[in-house]
Amino acid sequence: RCPNISECWNHGTATFLLLGDTCTRSCR
């Protein structure tokens, strides 16, 4: 839920998430 998603996606870039979309850790 990055607050900069509109700016970055409008810029034509994105940060890709590897290894699926679920994590084995639970950072708060």
PDB file of all heavy atoms in Angstrom:
ATOM      1  N   ARG A   1       0.826  -1.218   0.000  1.00  0.00           N
ATOM      2  CA  ARG A   1       0.000   0.000   0.000  1.00  0.00           C
ATOM      3  C   ARG A   1       0.860   1.269   0.000  1.00  0.00           C
ATOM      4  O   ARG A   1       0.671   2.187   0.805  1.00  0.00           O
ATOM      5  CB  ARG A   1      -0.940   0.003   1.214  1.00  0.00           C
ATOM      6  CG  ARG A   1      -1.799  -1.237   1.320  1.00  0.00           C
ATOM      7  CD  ARG A   1      -2.607  -1.298   2.585  1.00  0.00           C
ATOM      8  NE  ARG A   1      -3.177  -2.621   2.793  1.00  0.00           N
ATOM      9  CZ  ARG A   1      -3.854  -2.983   3.873  1.00  0.00           C
ATOM     10  NH1 ARG A   1      -4.051  -2.114   4.847  1.00  0.00           N
ATOM     11  NH2 ARG A   1      -4.326  -4.209   3.986  1.00  0.00           N
ATOM     12  N   CYS A   2       1.813   1.296  -0.905  1.00  0.00           N
ATOM     13  CA  CYS A   2       2.748   2.423  -0.972  1.00  0.00           C
ATOM     14  C   CYS A   2       2.027   3.718  -1.340  1.00  0.00           C
ATOM     15  O   CYS A   2       1.235   3.746  -2.282  1.00  0.00           O
ATOM     16  CB  CYS A   2       3.840   2.124  -1.999  1.00  0.00           C
ATOM     17  SG  CYS A   2       5.037   3.467  -2.172  1.00  0.00           S
ATOM     18  N   PRO A   3       2.304   4.821  -0.639  1.00  0.00           N
ATOM     19  CA  PRO A   3       1.649   6.090  -0.948  1.00  0.00           C
ATOM     20  C   PRO A   3       2.108   6.711  -2.264  1.00  0.00           C
ATOM     21  O   PRO A   3       1.472   7.628  -2.777  1.00  0.00           O
ATOM     22  CB  PRO A   3       2.040   6.987   0.239  1.00  0.00           C
ATOM     23  CG  PRO A   3       3.348   6.434   0.702  1.00  0.00           C
ATOM     24  CD  PRO A   3       3.215   4.941   0.524  1.00  0.00           C
ATOM     25  N   ASN A   4       3.201   6.196  -2.815  1.00  0.00           N
ATOM     26  CA  ASN A   4       3.747   6.777  -4.050  1.00  0.00           C
ATOM     27  C   ASN A   4       3.354   5.996  -5.299  1.00  0.00           C
ATOM     28  O   ASN A   4       3.896   6.249  -6.374  1.00  0.00           O
ATOM     29  CB  ASN A   4       5.288   6.819  -3.957  1.00  0.00           C
ATOM     30  CG  ASN A   4       5.768   7.578  -2.746  1.00  0.00           C
ATOM     31  OD1 ASN A   4       5.345   8.696  -2.501  1.00  0.00           O
ATOM     32  ND2 ASN A   4       6.652   6.964  -1.981  1.00  0.00           N
ATOM     33  N   ILE A   5       2.432   5.078  -5.174  1.00  0.00           N
ATOM     34  CA  ILE A   5       2.113   4.203  -6.301  1.00  0.00           C
ATOM     35  C   ILE A   5       1.686   4.990  -7.534  1.00  0.00           C
ATOM     36  O   ILE A   5       2.107   4.685  -8.649  1.00  0.00           O
ATOM     37  CB  ILE A   5       1.033   3.160  -5.917  1.00  0.00           C
ATOM     38  CG1 ILE A   5       0.799   2.198  -7.087  1.00  0.00           C
ATOM     39  CG2 ILE A   5      -0.260   3.819  -5.463  1.00  0.00           C
ATOM     40  CD1 ILE A   5      -0.074   0.998  -6.722  1.00  0.00           C
ATOM     41  N   SER A   6       0.891   6.031  -7.360  1.00  0.00           N
ATOM     42  CA  SER A   6       0.437   6.794  -8.526  1.00  0.00           C
ATOM     43  C   SER A   6       1.593   7.506  -9.206  1.00  0.00           C
ATOM     44  O   SER A   6       1.723   7.483 -10.436  1.00  0.00           O
ATOM     45  CB  SER A   6      -0.633   7.810  -8.106  1.00  0.00           C
ATOM     46  OG  SER A   6      -1.808   7.144  -7.709  1.00  0.00           O
ATOM     47  N   GLU A   7       2.467   8.125  -8.405  1.00  0.00           N
ATOM     48  CA  GLU A   7       3.608   8.834  -8.983  1.00  0.00           C
ATOM     49  C   GLU A   7       4.516   7.873  -9.743  1.00  0.00           C
ATOM     50  O   GLU A   7       4.908   8.149 -10.880  1.00  0.00           O
ATOM     51  CB  GLU A   7       4.411   9.553  -7.895  1.00  0.00           C
ATOM     52  CG  GLU A   7       5.628  10.282  -8.436  1.00  0.00           C
ATOM     53  CD  GLU A   7       6.476  10.928  -7.366  1.00  0.00           C
ATOM     54  OE1 GLU A   7       6.046  10.975  -6.193  1.00  0.00           O
ATOM     55  OE2 GLU A   7       7.571  11.408  -7.699  1.00  0.00           O
ATOM     56  N   CYS A   8       4.833   6.753  -9.117  1.00  0.00           N
ATOM     57  CA  CYS A   8       5.765   5.812  -9.751  1.00  0.00           C
ATOM     58  C   CYS A   8       5.145   5.145 -10.972  1.00  0.00           C
ATOM     59  O   CYS A   8       5.794   5.015 -12.014  1.00  0.00           O
ATOM     60  CB  CYS A   8       6.209   4.763  -8.738  1.00  0.00           C
ATOM     61  SG  CYS A   8       7.243   5.439  -7.405  1.00  0.00           S
ATOM     62  N   TRP A   9       3.893   4.732 -10.865  1.00  0.00           N
ATOM     63  CA  TRP A   9       3.265   4.071 -12.006  1.00  0.00           C
ATOM     64  C   TRP A   9       3.015   5.061 -13.134  1.00  0.00           C
ATOM     65  O   TRP A   9       3.062   4.705 -14.302  1.00  0.00           O
ATOM     66  CB  TRP A   9       1.976   3.369 -11.567  1.00  0.00           C
ATOM     67  CG  TRP A   9       2.262   2.082 -10.835  1.00  0.00           C
ATOM     68  CD1 TRP A   9       3.395   1.776 -10.129  1.00  0.00           C
ATOM     69  CD2 TRP A   9       1.419   0.938 -10.745  1.00  0.00           C
ATOM     70  NE1 TRP A   9       3.294   0.519  -9.594  1.00  0.00           N
ATOM     71  CE2 TRP A   9       2.101  -0.025  -9.950  1.00  0.00           C
ATOM     72  CE3 TRP A   9       0.147   0.632 -11.226  1.00  0.00           C
ATOM     73  CZ2 TRP A   9       1.546  -1.261  -9.657  1.00  0.00           C
ATOM     74  CZ3 TRP A   9      -0.396  -0.615 -10.924  1.00  0.00           C
ATOM     75  CH2 TRP A   9       0.295  -1.546 -10.154  1.00  0.00           C
ATOM     76  N   ASN A  10       2.754   6.311 -12.798  1.00  0.00           N
ATOM     77  CA  ASN A  10       2.648   7.330 -13.839  1.00  0.00           C
ATOM     78  C   ASN A  10       3.996   7.567 -14.510  1.00  0.00           C
ATOM     79  O   ASN A  10       4.071   7.953 -15.677  1.00  0.00           O
ATOM     80  CB  ASN A  10       2.128   8.654 -13.262  1.00  0.00           C
ATOM     81  CG  ASN A  10       0.638   8.616 -12.985  1.00  0.00           C
ATOM     82  OD1 ASN A  10      -0.104   7.887 -13.634  1.00  0.00           O
ATOM     83  ND2 ASN A  10       0.190   9.387 -12.008  1.00  0.00           N
ATOM     84  N   HIS A  11       5.064   7.336 -13.746  1.00  0.00           N
ATOM     85  CA  HIS A  11       6.410   7.489 -14.286  1.00  0.00           C
ATOM     86  C   HIS A  11       6.770   6.300 -15.177  1.00  0.00           C
ATOM     87  O   HIS A  11       7.757   6.329 -15.903  1.00  0.00           O
ATOM     88  CB  HIS A  11       7.410   7.618 -13.132  1.00  0.00           C
ATOM     89  CG  HIS A  11       8.786   8.005 -13.553  1.00  0.00           C
ATOM     90  ND1 HIS A  11       9.726   7.082 -13.960  1.00  0.00           N
ATOM     91  CD2 HIS A  11       9.395   9.215 -13.653  1.00  0.00           C
ATOM     92  CE1 HIS A  11      10.857   7.705 -14.262  1.00  0.00           C
ATOM     93  NE2 HIS A  11      10.686   8.988 -14.093  1.00  0.00           N
ATOM     94  N   GLY A  12       5.954   5.252 -15.093  1.00  0.00           N
ATOM     95  CA  GLY A  12       6.204   4.067 -15.909  1.00  0.00           C
ATOM     96  C   GLY A  12       7.131   3.066 -15.266  1.00  0.00           C
ATOM     97  O   GLY A  12       7.852   2.335 -15.949  1.00  0.00           O
ATOM     98  N   THR A  13       7.150   3.012 -13.934  1.00  0.00           N
ATOM     99  CA  THR A  13       7.999   2.049 -13.252  1.00  0.00           C
ATOM    100  C   THR A  13       7.232   1.405 -12.117  1.00  0.00           C
ATOM    101  O   THR A  13       6.207   1.923 -11.663  1.00  0.00           O
ATOM    102  CB  THR A  13       9.279   2.705 -12.714  1.00  0.00           C
ATOM    103  OG1 THR A  13      10.164   1.689 -12.241  1.00  0.00           O
ATOM    104  CG2 THR A  13       8.973   3.661 -11.574  1.00  0.00           C
ATOM    105  N   ALA A  14       7.714   0.260 -11.669  1.00  0.00           N
ATOM    106  CA  ALA A  14       7.091  -0.455 -10.558  1.00  0.00           C
ATOM    107  C   ALA A  14       8.146  -1.320  -9.896  1.00  0.00           C
ATOM    108  O   ALA A  14       9.164  -1.645 -10.508  1.00  0.00           O
ATOM    109  CB  ALA A  14       5.937  -1.329 -11.059  1.00  0.00           C
ATOM    110  N   THR A  15       7.908  -1.677  -8.633  1.00  0.00           N
ATOM    111  CA  THR A  15       8.822  -2.564  -7.920  1.00  0.00           C
ATOM    112  C   THR A  15       8.183  -3.943  -7.845  1.00  0.00           C
ATOM    113  O   THR A  15       7.170  -4.127  -7.165  1.00  0.00           O
ATOM    114  CB  THR A  15       9.126  -2.029  -6.506  1.00  0.00           C
ATOM    115  OG1 THR A  15       9.764  -0.761  -6.619  1.00  0.00           O
ATOM    116  CG2 THR A  15      10.041  -2.983  -5.752  1.00  0.00           C
ATOM    117  N   PHE A  16       8.762  -4.892  -8.569  1.00  0.00           N
ATOM    118  CA  PHE A  16       8.167  -6.215  -8.667  1.00  0.00           C
ATOM    119  C   PHE A  16       8.461  -7.046  -7.417  1.00  0.00           C
ATOM    120  O   PHE A  16       9.555  -6.998  -6.862  1.00  0.00           O
ATOM    121  CB  PHE A  16       8.688  -6.932  -9.909  1.00  0.00           C
ATOM    122  CG  PHE A  16       8.217  -6.304 -11.187  1.00  0.00           C
ATOM    123  CD1 PHE A  16       9.032  -5.427 -11.897  1.00  0.00           C
ATOM    124  CD2 PHE A  16       6.945  -6.560 -11.675  1.00  0.00           C
ATOM    125  CE1 PHE A  16       8.600  -4.841 -13.069  1.00  0.00           C
ATOM    126  CE2 PHE A  16       6.500  -5.980 -12.852  1.00  0.00           C
ATOM    127  CZ  PHE A  16       7.320  -5.111 -13.547  1.00  0.00           C
ATOM    128  N   LEU A  17       7.457  -7.809  -7.011  1.00  0.00           N
ATOM    129  CA  LEU A  17       7.539  -8.635  -5.807  1.00  0.00           C
ATOM    130  C   LEU A  17       7.689 -10.096  -6.208  1.00  0.00           C
ATOM    131  O   LEU A  17       6.779 -10.692  -6.793  1.00  0.00           O
ATOM    132  CB  LEU A  17       6.277  -8.429  -4.966  1.00  0.00           C
ATOM    133  CG  LEU A  17       6.236  -9.084  -3.589  1.00  0.00           C
ATOM    134  CD1 LEU A  17       7.275  -8.440  -2.660  1.00  0.00           C
ATOM    135  CD2 LEU A  17       4.837  -8.943  -2.980  1.00  0.00           C
ATOM    136  N   LEU A  18       8.839 -10.679  -5.892  1.00  0.00           N
ATOM    137  CA  LEU A  18       9.115 -12.064  -6.228  1.00  0.00           C
ATOM    138  C   LEU A  18       8.633 -13.013  -5.131  1.00  0.00           C
ATOM    139  O   LEU A  18       8.347 -12.594  -4.014  1.00  0.00           O
ATOM    140  CB  LEU A  18      10.615 -12.292  -6.426  1.00  0.00           C
ATOM    141  CG  LEU A  18      11.252 -11.882  -7.754  1.00  0.00           C
ATOM    142  CD1 LEU A  18      11.210 -10.379  -7.953  1.00  0.00           C
ATOM    143  CD2 LEU A  18      12.695 -12.375  -7.821  1.00  0.00           C
ATOM    144  N   LEU A  19       8.578 -14.286  -5.472  1.00  0.00           N
ATOM    145  CA  LEU A  19       8.338 -15.379  -4.516  1.00  0.00           C
ATOM    146  C   LEU A  19       6.918 -15.415  -3.975  1.00  0.00           C
ATOM    147  O   LEU A  19       6.656 -15.940  -2.889  1.00  0.00           O
ATOM    148  CB  LEU A  19       9.332 -15.312  -3.339  1.00  0.00           C
ATOM    149  CG  LEU A  19      10.811 -15.158  -3.693  1.00  0.00           C
ATOM    150  CD1 LEU A  19      11.651 -15.069  -2.425  1.00  0.00           C
ATOM    151  CD2 LEU A  19      11.281 -16.326  -4.550  1.00  0.00           C
ATOM    152  N   GLY A  20       5.976 -14.838  -4.718  1.00  0.00           N
ATOM    153  CA  GLY A  20       4.589 -14.841  -4.282  1.00  0.00           C
ATOM    154  C   GLY A  20       4.201 -13.569  -3.561  1.00  0.00           C
ATOM    155  O   GLY A  20       4.945 -12.583  -3.557  1.00  0.00           O
ATOM    156  N   ASP A  21       3.035 -13.592  -2.928  1.00  0.00           N
ATOM    157  CA  ASP A  21       2.540 -12.392  -2.245  1.00  0.00           C
ATOM    158  C   ASP A  21       2.235 -12.639  -0.772  1.00  0.00           C
ATOM    159  O   ASP A  21       1.522 -11.871  -0.134  1.00  0.00           O
ATOM    160  CB  ASP A  21       1.288 -11.847  -2.948  1.00  0.00           C
ATOM    161  CG  ASP A  21       0.126 -12.841  -2.929  1.00  0.00           C
ATOM    162  OD1 ASP A  21       0.349 -14.019  -2.590  1.00  0.00           O
ATOM    163  OD2 ASP A  21      -1.001 -12.431  -3.255  1.00  0.00           O
ATOM    164  N   THR A  22       2.778 -13.733  -0.215  1.00  0.00           N
ATOM    165  CA  THR A  22       2.593 -14.013   1.209  1.00  0.00           C
ATOM    166  C   THR A  22       3.954 -14.251   1.855  1.00  0.00           C
ATOM    167  O   THR A  22       4.858 -14.825   1.245  1.00  0.00           O
ATOM    168  CB  THR A  22       1.701 -15.246   1.430  1.00  0.00           C
ATOM    169  OG1 THR A  22       2.266 -16.373   0.755  1.00  0.00           O
ATOM    170  CG2 THR A  22       0.293 -14.985   0.910  1.00  0.00           C
ATOM    171  N   CYS A  23       4.102 -13.816   3.078  1.00  0.00           N
ATOM    172  CA  CYS A  23       5.397 -13.793   3.766  1.00  0.00           C
ATOM    173  C   CYS A  23       5.413 -14.758   4.945  1.00  0.00           C
ATOM    174  O   CYS A  23       4.383 -14.983   5.593  1.00  0.00           O
ATOM    175  CB  CYS A  23       5.659 -12.359   4.247  1.00  0.00           C
ATOM    176  SG  CYS A  23       7.312 -12.079   4.913  1.00  0.00           S
ATOM    177  N   THR A  24       6.579 -15.321   5.234  1.00  0.00           N
ATOM    178  CA  THR A  24       6.711 -16.225   6.374  1.00  0.00           C
ATOM    179  C   THR A  24       7.004 -15.477   7.665  1.00  0.00           C
ATOM    180  O   THR A  24       7.086 -16.103   8.727  1.00  0.00           O
ATOM    181  CB  THR A  24       7.828 -17.260   6.123  1.00  0.00           C
ATOM    182  OG1 THR A  24       9.048 -16.582   5.826  1.00  0.00           O
ATOM    183  CG2 THR A  24       7.456 -18.179   4.963  1.00  0.00           C
ATOM    184  N   ARG A  25       7.171 -14.182   7.583  1.00  0.00           N
ATOM    185  CA  ARG A  25       7.390 -13.376   8.791  1.00  0.00           C
ATOM    186  C   ARG A  25       6.191 -12.462   9.028  1.00  0.00           C
ATOM    187  O   ARG A  25       5.357 -12.276   8.154  1.00  0.00           O
ATOM    188  CB  ARG A  25       8.684 -12.570   8.683  1.00  0.00           C
ATOM    189  CG  ARG A  25       9.909 -13.456   8.572  1.00  0.00           C
ATOM    190  CD  ARG A  25      11.204 -12.693   8.698  1.00  0.00           C
ATOM    191  NE  ARG A  25      12.349 -13.564   8.440  1.00  0.00           N
ATOM    192  CZ  ARG A  25      13.614 -13.166   8.457  1.00  0.00           C
ATOM    193  NH1 ARG A  25      13.907 -11.895   8.717  1.00  0.00           N
ATOM    194  NH2 ARG A  25      14.589 -14.010   8.197  1.00  0.00           N
ATOM    195  N   SER A  26       6.149 -11.887  10.210  1.00  0.00           N
ATOM    196  CA  SER A  26       4.998 -11.051  10.573  1.00  0.00           C
ATOM    197  C   SER A  26       5.471  -9.744  11.208  1.00  0.00           C
ATOM    198  O   SER A  26       5.209  -9.473  12.375  1.00  0.00           O
ATOM    199  CB  SER A  26       4.068 -11.798  11.528  1.00  0.00           C
ATOM    200  OG  SER A  26       4.798 -12.326  12.642  1.00  0.00           O
ATOM    201  N   CYS A  27       6.205  -8.966  10.419  1.00  0.00           N
ATOM    202  CA  CYS A  27       6.660  -7.651  10.902  1.00  0.00           C
ATOM    203  C   CYS A  27       5.451  -6.760  11.179  1.00  0.00           C
ATOM    204  O   CYS A  27       4.485  -6.761  10.408  1.00  0.00           O
ATOM    205  CB  CYS A  27       7.574  -7.002   9.867  1.00  0.00           C
ATOM    206  SG  CYS A  27       9.092  -7.930   9.560  1.00  0.00           S
ATOM    207  N   ARG A  28       5.517  -5.984  12.217  1.00  0.00           N
ATOM    208  CA  ARG A  28       4.356  -5.219  12.660  1.00  0.00           C
ATOM    209  C   ARG A  28       4.174  -3.898  11.924  1.00  0.00           C
ATOM    210  O   ARG A  28       3.310  -3.102  12.280  1.00  0.00           O
ATOM    211  CB  ARG A  28       4.436  -4.966  14.168  1.00  0.00           C
ATOM    212  CG  ARG A  28       4.261  -6.240  14.996  1.00  0.00           C
ATOM    213  CD  ARG A  28       3.812  -5.916  16.392  1.00  0.00           C
ATOM    214  NE  ARG A  28       2.543  -5.205  16.382  1.00  0.00           N
ATOM    215  CZ  ARG A  28       2.214  -4.245  17.252  1.00  0.00           C
ATOM    216  NH1 ARG A  28       3.102  -3.857  18.163  1.00  0.00           N
ATOM    217  NH2 ARG A  28       1.046  -3.655  17.196  1.00  0.00           N
TER     218      ARG A  28
END
